[in-house]
Amino acid sequence: MCDRDSLFFRALSDKTRRNILKLLKNKGELSVKEIVEYFSMTQPTISHHLNVLKEAGLVRFDRKGKEICYCCDCMTVRECCKEFFEKLISYPDESEL
């Protein structure tokens, strides 16, 4: 698996991060403060999760004054899933290893 795959699956391995992605997909662009309102977690914890998602390329962000707003990058999510399953399908079966 390439590094992009590792970042993608690491980001999606956590339920909170998956829920943040769902929230951003459904609500659109939200500030960290607005995202925190949906979770019983501190702002630093949510910021950590957002950084993991950002590192994997699953969210886009924009600075608006003192706030940073995030949105789900659905195209990257689709691309990563497509690439992974294409690799999986083309992976040799056990007899070819």
Protein backbone atom coordinates (compact mmCIF):
# COMPACT_ATOMS: atom_id res chain seq x y z
CA MET A 1 0.00 0.00 0.00
CA CYS A 2 1.28 3.47 -0.79
CA ASP A 3 1.58 6.24 1.74
CA ARG A 4 -1.65 7.85 0.52
CA ASP A 5 -3.53 4.63 1.26
CA SER A 6 -2.06 4.52 4.77
CA LEU A 7 -3.06 8.12 5.48
CA PHE A 8 -6.54 7.50 4.09
CA PHE A 9 -7.21 4.38 6.14
CA ARG A 10 -5.63 5.83 9.28
CA ALA A 11 -7.95 8.81 8.98
CA LEU A 12 -11.02 6.64 8.46
CA SER A 13 -10.12 4.14 11.18
CA ASP A 14 -11.48 6.44 13.87
CA LYS A 15 -15.25 6.74 14.39
CA THR A 16 -15.02 10.40 15.41
CA ARG A 17 -13.21 11.28 12.19
CA ARG A 18 -15.78 9.39 10.14
CA ASN A 19 -18.52 11.31 11.96
CA ILE A 20 -16.75 14.62 11.31
CA LEU A 21 -16.61 13.76 7.59
CA LYS A 22 -20.32 12.89 7.58
CA LEU A 23 -21.12 16.14 9.37
CA LEU A 24 -19.10 18.20 6.90
CA LYS A 25 -20.64 16.38 3.95
CA ASN A 26 -24.15 17.07 5.25
CA LYS A 27 -23.68 20.60 6.61
CA GLY A 28 -21.08 21.95 4.22
CA GLU A 29 -18.37 24.30 5.42
CA LEU A 30 -18.08 24.64 9.21
CA SER A 31 -15.64 26.33 11.56
CA VAL A 32 -13.83 24.33 14.23
CA LYS A 33 -16.05 26.02 16.82
CA GLU A 34 -19.18 24.89 14.97
CA ILE A 35 -17.86 21.34 14.61
CA VAL A 36 -17.10 21.16 18.35
CA GLU A 37 -20.77 21.92 19.09
CA TYR A 38 -21.75 18.55 17.57
CA PHE A 39 -19.37 16.49 19.72
CA SER A 40 -18.76 16.04 23.43
CA MET A 41 -15.05 16.70 22.99
CA THR A 42 -12.74 19.62 23.52
CA GLN A 43 -11.65 21.95 20.73
CA PRO A 44 -8.04 20.66 20.83
CA THR A 45 -9.27 17.07 20.39
CA ILE A 46 -11.46 18.03 17.42
CA SER A 47 -8.55 20.02 15.96
CA HIS A 48 -6.35 16.93 16.21
CA HIS A 49 -8.94 14.86 14.32
CA LEU A 50 -9.25 17.59 11.69
CA ASN A 51 -5.47 17.63 11.25
CA VAL A 52 -5.46 13.87 10.60
CA LEU A 53 -8.24 14.32 8.03
CA LYS A 54 -6.39 17.26 6.49
CA GLU A 55 -3.14 15.26 6.29
CA ALA A 56 -5.02 12.54 4.41
CA GLY A 57 -6.51 15.12 2.06
CA LEU A 58 -10.07 14.30 3.09
CA VAL A 59 -10.99 17.82 4.13
CA ARG A 60 -10.28 21.21 2.64
CA PHE A 61 -9.85 24.27 4.78
CA ASP A 62 -9.98 28.02 4.45
CA ARG A 63 -8.94 30.69 6.92
CA LYS A 64 -11.65 33.28 7.48
CA GLY A 65 -10.29 35.92 9.80
CA LYS A 66 -9.27 34.16 12.99
CA GLU A 67 -11.28 31.03 12.22
CA ILE A 68 -10.47 28.06 10.06
CA CYS A 69 -13.41 26.54 8.21
CA TYR A 70 -13.43 22.96 6.95
CA CYS A 71 -15.40 21.06 4.35
CA CYS A 72 -15.36 17.45 3.16
CA ASP A 73 -13.32 16.86 0.02
CA CYS A 74 -15.69 14.26 -1.43
CA MET A 75 -13.69 13.99 -4.66
CA THR A 76 -10.57 12.85 -2.77
CA VAL A 77 -12.61 10.35 -0.74
CA ARG A 78 -14.00 8.88 -3.98
CA GLU A 79 -10.57 8.82 -5.64
CA CYS A 80 -8.92 7.07 -2.68
CA CYS A 81 -11.66 4.43 -2.52
CA LYS A 82 -11.54 3.87 -6.27
CA GLU A 83 -7.73 3.58 -6.33
CA PHE A 84 -7.71 1.17 -3.39
CA PHE A 85 -10.32 -1.15 -4.89
CA GLU A 86 -8.66 -1.06 -8.30
CA LYS A 87 -5.40 -2.16 -6.64
CA LEU A 88 -7.26 -4.84 -4.68
CA ILE A 89 -8.92 -6.24 -7.79
CA SER A 90 -5.65 -6.28 -9.73
CA TYR A 91 -3.69 -7.84 -6.84
CA PRO A 92 -2.44 -11.34 -7.77
CA ASP A 93 -4.22 -14.26 -6.15
CA GLU A 94 -2.34 -16.57 -3.75
CA SER A 95 -1.20 -18.92 -6.50
CA GLU A 96 0.65 -16.03 -8.18
CA LEU A 97 2.56 -14.91 -5.05
